[in-house]
Amino acid sequence: MLEKLHIRNYRILRELKIDQLRRINLIAGGNNSGKTSLLEAIFLLGGAGSAHLLMNANVTRGDLGAAIQGVSIQI
């Protein structure tokens, strides 16, 4: 189970730290607030994707200039 999540400079998420994840977490927000970006990052980091897929996600979304500076999870 994920306990902590830290995402830096991935798509719209410039700095996101979540320190107390639970078994069930509610993700809510308005349009273009980063909900899908958060779920994609978790999906890719969970082993379902690769670094190549992560970079392609940025290119597909038009974020060519955005370099991923760091992503970390604690299980």
PDB file of N, CA and C in Angstrom:
ATOM      1  N   MET A   1       0.837  -1.172   0.000  1.00  0.00           N
ATOM      2  CA  MET A   1       0.000   0.000   0.000  1.00  0.00           C
ATOM      3  C   MET A   1       0.889   1.246   0.000  1.00  0.00           C
ATOM      4  N   LEU A   2       0.530   2.222  -0.809  1.00  0.00           N
ATOM      5  CA  LEU A   2       1.255   3.490  -0.820  1.00  0.00           C
ATOM      6  C   LEU A   2       1.031   4.226   0.490  1.00  0.00           C
ATOM      7  N   GLU A   3       2.098   4.751   1.061  1.00  0.00           N
ATOM      8  CA  GLU A   3       1.986   5.553   2.277  1.00  0.00           C
ATOM      9  C   GLU A   3       2.229   7.028   2.001  1.00  0.00           C
ATOM     10  N   LYS A   4       3.186   7.315   1.108  1.00  0.00           N
ATOM     11  CA  LYS A   4       3.532   8.695   0.775  1.00  0.00           C
ATOM     12  C   LYS A   4       3.735   8.810  -0.728  1.00  0.00           C
ATOM     13  N   LEU A   5       3.517  10.010  -1.229  1.00  0.00           N
ATOM     14  CA  LEU A   5       3.709  10.270  -2.655  1.00  0.00           C
ATOM     15  C   LEU A   5       4.263  11.674  -2.812  1.00  0.00           C
ATOM     16  N   HIS A   6       5.298  11.806  -3.637  1.00  0.00           N
ATOM     17  CA  HIS A   6       5.881  13.119  -3.922  1.00  0.00           C
ATOM     18  C   HIS A   6       6.117  13.195  -5.427  1.00  0.00           C
ATOM     19  N   ILE A   7       5.477  14.144  -6.077  1.00  0.00           N
ATOM     20  CA  ILE A   7       5.610  14.334  -7.522  1.00  0.00           C
ATOM     21  C   ILE A   7       6.077  15.760  -7.756  1.00  0.00           C
ATOM     22  N   ARG A   8       7.119  15.899  -8.566  1.00  0.00           N
ATOM     23  CA  ARG A   8       7.633  17.229  -8.874  1.00  0.00           C
ATOM     24  C   ARG A   8       7.745  17.394 -10.386  1.00  0.00           C
ATOM     25  N   ASN A   9       7.101  18.412 -10.909  1.00  0.00           N
ATOM     26  CA  ASN A   9       7.175  18.810 -12.311  1.00  0.00           C
ATOM     27  C   ASN A   9       6.734  17.702 -13.269  1.00  0.00           C
ATOM     28  N   TYR A  10       5.589  17.141 -13.031  1.00  0.00           N
ATOM     29  CA  TYR A  10       4.980  16.199 -13.971  1.00  0.00           C
ATOM     30  C   TYR A  10       3.664  16.792 -14.437  1.00  0.00           C
ATOM     31  N   ARG A  11       3.612  17.129 -15.727  1.00  0.00           N
ATOM     32  CA  ARG A  11       2.445  17.772 -16.320  1.00  0.00           C
ATOM     33  C   ARG A  11       2.039  18.998 -15.516  1.00  0.00           C
ATOM     34  N   ILE A  12       0.827  19.072 -15.039  1.00  0.00           N
ATOM     35  CA  ILE A  12       0.363  20.258 -14.311  1.00  0.00           C
ATOM     36  C   ILE A  12       0.826  20.256 -12.852  1.00  0.00           C
ATOM     37  N   LEU A  13       1.302  19.137 -12.367  1.00  0.00           N
ATOM     38  CA  LEU A  13       1.711  19.004 -10.961  1.00  0.00           C
ATOM     39  C   LEU A  13       3.150  19.484 -10.791  1.00  0.00           C
ATOM     40  N   ARG A  14       3.330  20.693 -10.345  1.00  0.00           N
ATOM     41  CA  ARG A  14       4.674  21.246 -10.163  1.00  0.00           C
ATOM     42  C   ARG A  14       5.304  20.760  -8.865  1.00  0.00           C
ATOM     43  N   GLU A  15       4.524  20.634  -7.817  1.00  0.00           N
ATOM     44  CA  GLU A  15       5.014  20.118  -6.531  1.00  0.00           C
ATOM     45  C   GLU A  15       3.824  19.558  -5.772  1.00  0.00           C
ATOM     46  N   LEU A  16       3.787  18.254  -5.604  1.00  0.00           N
ATOM     47  CA  LEU A  16       2.689  17.615  -4.886  1.00  0.00           C
ATOM     48  C   LEU A  16       3.271  16.643  -3.874  1.00  0.00           C
ATOM     49  N   LYS A  17       2.941  16.841  -2.616  1.00  0.00           N
ATOM     50  CA  LYS A  17       3.357  15.930  -1.549  1.00  0.00           C
ATOM     51  C   LYS A  17       2.112  15.475  -0.808  1.00  0.00           C
ATOM     52  N   ILE A  18       1.965  14.179  -0.711  1.00  0.00           N
ATOM     53  CA  ILE A  18       0.886  13.594   0.080  1.00  0.00           C
ATOM     54  C   ILE A  18       1.561  12.650   1.068  1.00  0.00           C
ATOM     55  N   ASP A  19       1.474  12.967   2.347  1.00  0.00           N
ATOM     56  CA  ASP A  19       2.209  12.214   3.363  1.00  0.00           C
ATOM     57  C   ASP A  19       1.383  11.159   4.083  1.00  0.00           C
ATOM     58  N   GLN A  20       0.074  11.207   3.983  1.00  0.00           N
ATOM     59  CA  GLN A  20      -0.743  10.266   4.744  1.00  0.00           C
ATOM     60  C   GLN A  20      -1.803   9.628   3.852  1.00  0.00           C
ATOM     61  N   LEU A  21      -1.355   8.787   2.942  1.00  0.00           N
ATOM     62  CA  LEU A  21      -2.304   8.065   2.102  1.00  0.00           C
ATOM     63  C   LEU A  21      -2.938   6.937   2.905  1.00  0.00           C
ATOM     64  N   ARG A  22      -4.161   6.650   2.627  1.00  0.00           N
ATOM     65  CA  ARG A  22      -4.903   5.582   3.301  1.00  0.00           C
ATOM     66  C   ARG A  22      -5.235   4.490   2.287  1.00  0.00           C
ATOM     67  N   ARG A  23      -5.937   3.466   2.740  1.00  0.00           N
ATOM     68  CA  ARG A  23      -6.355   2.397   1.822  1.00  0.00           C
ATOM     69  C   ARG A  23      -7.301   2.920   0.763  1.00  0.00           C
ATOM     70  N   ILE A  24      -8.158   3.859   1.128  1.00  0.00           N
ATOM     71  CA  ILE A  24      -9.087   4.489   0.188  1.00  0.00           C
ATOM     72  C   ILE A  24      -8.865   5.990   0.275  1.00  0.00           C
ATOM     73  N   ASN A  25      -8.624   6.625  -0.883  1.00  0.00           N
ATOM     74  CA  ASN A  25      -8.374   8.059  -0.946  1.00  0.00           C
ATOM     75  C   ASN A  25      -9.301   8.674  -1.977  1.00  0.00           C
ATOM     76  N   LEU A  26      -9.877   9.803  -1.653  1.00  0.00           N
ATOM     77  CA  LEU A  26     -10.767  10.525  -2.552  1.00  0.00           C
ATOM     78  C   LEU A  26      -9.963  11.584  -3.291  1.00  0.00           C
ATOM     79  N   ILE A  27     -10.085  11.589  -4.611  1.00  0.00           N
ATOM     80  CA  ILE A  27      -9.413  12.588  -5.443  1.00  0.00           C
ATOM     81  C   ILE A  27     -10.497  13.434  -6.079  1.00  0.00           C
ATOM     82  N   ALA A  28     -10.535  14.706  -5.719  1.00  0.00           N
ATOM     83  CA  ALA A  28     -11.563  15.606  -6.239  1.00  0.00           C
ATOM     84  C   ALA A  28     -10.925  16.929  -6.618  1.00  0.00           C
ATOM     85  N   GLY A  29     -11.517  17.597  -7.589  1.00  0.00           N
ATOM     86  CA  GLY A  29     -11.027  18.907  -8.001  1.00  0.00           C
ATOM     87  C   GLY A  29     -11.703  19.332  -9.280  1.00  0.00           C
ATOM     88  N   GLY A  30     -11.539  20.572  -9.605  1.00  0.00           N
ATOM     89  CA  GLY A  30     -12.125  21.120 -10.818  1.00  0.00           C
ATOM     90  C   GLY A  30     -11.391  20.660 -12.068  1.00  0.00           C
ATOM     91  N   ASN A  31     -11.899  21.094 -13.201  1.00  0.00           N
ATOM     92  CA  ASN A  31     -11.248  20.786 -14.471  1.00  0.00           C
ATOM     93  C   ASN A  31      -9.823  21.337 -14.475  1.00  0.00           C
ATOM     94  N   ASN A  32      -8.911  20.562 -15.061  1.00  0.00           N
ATOM     95  CA  ASN A  32      -7.514  20.972 -15.222  1.00  0.00           C
ATOM     96  C   ASN A  32      -6.820  21.235 -13.880  1.00  0.00           C
ATOM     97  N   SER A  33      -7.175  20.467 -12.864  1.00  0.00           N
ATOM     98  CA  SER A  33      -6.547  20.654 -11.554  1.00  0.00           C
ATOM     99  C   SER A  33      -5.477  19.606 -11.254  1.00  0.00           C
ATOM    100  N   GLY A  34      -5.338  18.585 -12.110  1.00  0.00           N
ATOM    101  CA  GLY A  34      -4.279  17.602 -11.939  1.00  0.00           C
ATOM    102  C   GLY A  34      -4.722  16.223 -11.495  1.00  0.00           C
ATOM    103  N   LYS A  35      -6.015  15.966 -11.459  1.00  0.00           N
ATOM    104  CA  LYS A  35      -6.506  14.647 -11.014  1.00  0.00           C
ATOM    105  C   LYS A  35      -5.972  13.527 -11.907  1.00  0.00           C
ATOM    106  N   THR A  36      -6.084  13.694 -13.208  1.00  0.00           N
ATOM    107  CA  THR A  36      -5.614  12.668 -14.141  1.00  0.00           C
ATOM    108  C   THR A  36      -4.100  12.546 -14.087  1.00  0.00           C
ATOM    109  N   SER A  37      -3.405  13.654 -13.945  1.00  0.00           N
ATOM    110  CA  SER A  37      -1.943  13.621 -13.837  1.00  0.00           C
ATOM    111  C   SER A  37      -1.512  12.810 -12.622  1.00  0.00           C
ATOM    112  N   LEU A  38      -2.187  12.996 -11.512  1.00  0.00           N
ATOM    113  CA  LEU A  38      -1.885  12.241 -10.297  1.00  0.00           C
ATOM    114  C   LEU A  38      -2.082  10.746 -10.527  1.00  0.00           C
ATOM    115  N   LEU A  39      -3.204  10.376 -11.115  1.00  0.00           N
ATOM    116  CA  LEU A  39      -3.484   8.958 -11.360  1.00  0.00           C
ATOM    117  C   LEU A  39      -2.509   8.354 -12.360  1.00  0.00           C
ATOM    118  N   GLU A  40      -2.138   9.105 -13.405  1.00  0.00           N
ATOM    119  CA  GLU A  40      -1.152   8.619 -14.373  1.00  0.00           C
ATOM    120  C   GLU A  40       0.193   8.372 -13.706  1.00  0.00           C
ATOM    121  N   ALA A  41       0.627   9.295 -12.865  1.00  0.00           N
ATOM    122  CA  ALA A  41       1.913   9.144 -12.187  1.00  0.00           C
ATOM    123  C   ALA A  41       1.922   7.896 -11.314  1.00  0.00           C
ATOM    124  N   ILE A  42       0.857   7.666 -10.576  1.00  0.00           N
ATOM    125  CA  ILE A  42       0.766   6.466  -9.736  1.00  0.00           C
ATOM    126  C   ILE A  42       0.762   5.213 -10.603  1.00  0.00           C
ATOM    127  N   PHE A  43       0.021   5.231 -11.698  1.00  0.00           N
ATOM    128  CA  PHE A  43      -0.049   4.102 -12.618  1.00  0.00           C
ATOM    129  C   PHE A  43       1.332   3.778 -13.179  1.00  0.00           C
ATOM    130  N   LEU A  44       2.039   4.792 -13.650  1.00  0.00           N
ATOM    131  CA  LEU A  44       3.348   4.572 -14.251  1.00  0.00           C
ATOM    132  C   LEU A  44       4.382   4.130 -13.225  1.00  0.00           C
ATOM    133  N   LEU A  45       4.341   4.698 -12.037  1.00  0.00           N
ATOM    134  CA  LEU A  45       5.297   4.326 -11.001  1.00  0.00           C
ATOM    135  C   LEU A  45       5.020   2.953 -10.417  1.00  0.00           C
ATOM    136  N   GLY A  46       3.786   2.502 -10.547  1.00  0.00           N
ATOM    137  CA  GLY A  46       3.409   1.200 -10.011  1.00  0.00           C
ATOM    138  C   GLY A  46       3.913   0.031 -10.830  1.00  0.00           C
ATOM    139  N   GLY A  47       4.681   0.309 -11.873  1.00  0.00           N
ATOM    140  CA  GLY A  47       5.240  -0.752 -12.683  1.00  0.00           C
ATOM    141  C   GLY A  47       4.437  -1.049 -13.926  1.00  0.00           C
ATOM    142  N   ALA A  48       3.289  -0.395 -14.089  1.00  0.00           N
ATOM    143  CA  ALA A  48       2.476  -0.634 -15.278  1.00  0.00           C
ATOM    144  C   ALA A  48       3.049   0.084 -16.485  1.00  0.00           C
ATOM    145  N   GLY A  49       3.948   1.000 -16.251  1.00  0.00           N
ATOM    146  CA  GLY A  49       4.535   1.764 -17.344  1.00  0.00           C
ATOM    147  C   GLY A  49       6.039   1.760 -17.239  1.00  0.00           C
ATOM    148  N   SER A  50       6.663   2.574 -18.037  1.00  0.00           N
ATOM    149  CA  SER A  50       8.110   2.692 -18.023  1.00  0.00           C
ATOM    150  C   SER A  50       8.479   4.159 -18.126  1.00  0.00           C
ATOM    151  N   ALA A  51       9.760   4.448 -17.974  1.00  0.00           N
ATOM    152  CA  ALA A  51      10.222   5.834 -18.113  1.00  0.00           C
ATOM    153  C   ALA A  51       9.895   6.360 -19.502  1.00  0.00           C
ATOM    154  N   HIS A  52       9.970   5.493 -20.508  1.00  0.00           N
ATOM    155  CA  HIS A  52       9.641   5.892 -21.882  1.00  0.00           C
ATOM    156  C   HIS A  52       8.180   6.332 -21.973  1.00  0.00           C
ATOM    157  N   LEU A  53       7.283   5.598 -21.354  1.00  0.00           N
ATOM    158  CA  LEU A  53       5.869   5.982 -21.353  1.00  0.00           C
ATOM    159  C   LEU A  53       5.652   7.295 -20.622  1.00  0.00           C
ATOM    160  N   LEU A  54       6.382   7.503 -19.541  1.00  0.00           N
ATOM    161  CA  LEU A  54       6.264   8.738 -18.778  1.00  0.00           C
ATOM    162  C   LEU A  54       6.668   9.936 -19.627  1.00  0.00           C
ATOM    163  N   MET A  55       7.763   9.816 -20.361  1.00  0.00           N
ATOM    164  CA  MET A  55       8.202  10.907 -21.230  1.00  0.00           C
ATOM    165  C   MET A  55       7.207  11.122 -22.366  1.00  0.00           C
ATOM    166  N   ASN A  56       6.683  10.045 -22.943  1.00  0.00           N
ATOM    167  CA  ASN A  56       5.697  10.180 -24.016  1.00  0.00           C
ATOM    168  C   ASN A  56       4.422  10.845 -23.528  1.00  0.00           C
ATOM    169  N   ALA A  57       4.044  10.612 -22.288  1.00  0.00           N
ATOM    170  CA  ALA A  57       2.851  11.261 -21.746  1.00  0.00           C
ATOM    171  C   ALA A  57       3.040  12.766 -21.735  1.00  0.00           C
ATOM    172  N   ASN A  58       4.223  13.236 -21.381  1.00  0.00           N
ATOM    173  CA  ASN A  58       4.497  14.671 -21.404  1.00  0.00           C
ATOM    174  C   ASN A  58       4.459  15.213 -22.823  1.00  0.00           C
ATOM    175  N   VAL A  59       5.056  14.514 -23.773  1.00  0.00           N
ATOM    176  CA  VAL A  59       5.080  14.976 -25.160  1.00  0.00           C
ATOM    177  C   VAL A  59       3.671  14.998 -25.729  1.00  0.00           C
ATOM    178  N   THR A  60       2.893  13.950 -25.473  1.00  0.00           N
ATOM    179  CA  THR A  60       1.524  13.873 -25.978  1.00  0.00           C
ATOM    180  C   THR A  60       0.683  15.015 -25.449  1.00  0.00           C
ATOM    181  N   ARG A  61       0.903  15.410 -24.226  1.00  0.00           N
ATOM    182  CA  ARG A  61       0.119  16.477 -23.613  1.00  0.00           C
ATOM    183  C   ARG A  61       0.645  17.860 -23.984  1.00  0.00           C
ATOM    184  N   GLY A  62       1.727  17.930 -24.767  1.00  0.00           N
ATOM    185  CA  GLY A  62       2.253  19.215 -25.195  1.00  0.00           C
ATOM    186  C   GLY A  62       3.222  19.846 -24.220  1.00  0.00           C
ATOM    187  N   ASP A  63       3.762  19.072 -23.288  1.00  0.00           N
ATOM    188  CA  ASP A  63       4.692  19.598 -22.293  1.00  0.00           C
ATOM    189  C   ASP A  63       6.135  19.313 -22.699  1.00  0.00           C
ATOM    190  N   LEU A  64       6.504  19.660 -23.914  1.00  0.00           N
ATOM    191  CA  LEU A  64       7.838  19.343 -24.414  1.00  0.00           C
ATOM    192  C   LEU A  64       8.950  19.950 -23.568  1.00  0.00           C
ATOM    193  N   GLY A  65       8.725  21.147 -23.031  1.00  0.00           N
ATOM    194  CA  GLY A  65       9.769  21.819 -22.271  1.00  0.00           C
ATOM    195  C   GLY A  65       9.823  21.417 -20.814  1.00  0.00           C
ATOM    196  N   ALA A  66       8.882  20.641 -20.354  1.00  0.00           N
ATOM    197  CA  ALA A  66       8.823  20.294 -18.932  1.00  0.00           C
ATOM    198  C   ALA A  66       9.640  19.042 -18.661  1.00  0.00           C
ATOM    199  N   ALA A  67      10.729  19.200 -17.950  1.00  0.00           N
ATOM    200  CA  ALA A  67      11.544  18.050 -17.571  1.00  0.00           C
ATOM    201  C   ALA A  67      11.039  17.523 -16.236  1.00  0.00           C
ATOM    202  N   ILE A  68      10.923  16.225 -16.140  1.00  0.00           N
ATOM    203  CA  ILE A  68      10.493  15.617 -14.885  1.00  0.00           C
ATOM    204  C   ILE A  68      11.656  15.713 -13.910  1.00  0.00           C
ATOM    205  N   GLN A  69      11.458  16.389 -12.800  1.00  0.00           N
ATOM    206  CA  GLN A  69      12.543  16.617 -11.854  1.00  0.00           C
ATOM    207  C   GLN A  69      12.583  15.586 -10.746  1.00  0.00           C
ATOM    208  N   GLY A  70      11.501  14.904 -10.511  1.00  0.00           N
ATOM    209  CA  GLY A  70      11.557  13.880  -9.487  1.00  0.00           C
ATOM    210  C   GLY A  70      10.197  13.358  -9.105  1.00  0.00           C
ATOM    211  N   VAL A  71      10.151  12.070  -8.899  1.00  0.00           N
ATOM    212  CA  VAL A  71       8.944  11.421  -8.426  1.00  0.00           C
ATOM    213  C   VAL A  71       9.393  10.366  -7.437  1.00  0.00           C
ATOM    214  N   SER A  72       8.730  10.283  -6.298  1.00  0.00           N
ATOM    215  CA  SER A  72       9.082   9.248  -5.341  1.00  0.00           C
ATOM    216  C   SER A  72       7.825   8.739  -4.660  1.00  0.00           C
ATOM    217  N   ILE A  73       7.890   7.478  -4.273  1.00  0.00           N
ATOM    218  CA  ILE A  73       6.783   6.884  -3.536  1.00  0.00           C
ATOM    219  C   ILE A  73       7.359   6.119  -2.360  1.00  0.00           C
ATOM    220  N   GLN A  74       6.563   5.943  -1.350  1.00  0.00           N
ATOM    221  CA  GLN A  74       6.951   5.108  -0.217  1.00  0.00           C
ATOM    222  C   GLN A  74       5.868   4.075  -0.019  1.00  0.00           C
ATOM    223  N   ILE A  75       6.268   2.815  -0.001  1.00  0.00           N
ATOM    224  CA  ILE A  75       5.314   1.716   0.139  1.00  0.00           C
ATOM    225  C   ILE A  75       5.503   1.087   1.504  1.00  0.00           C
TER     226      ILE A  75
END
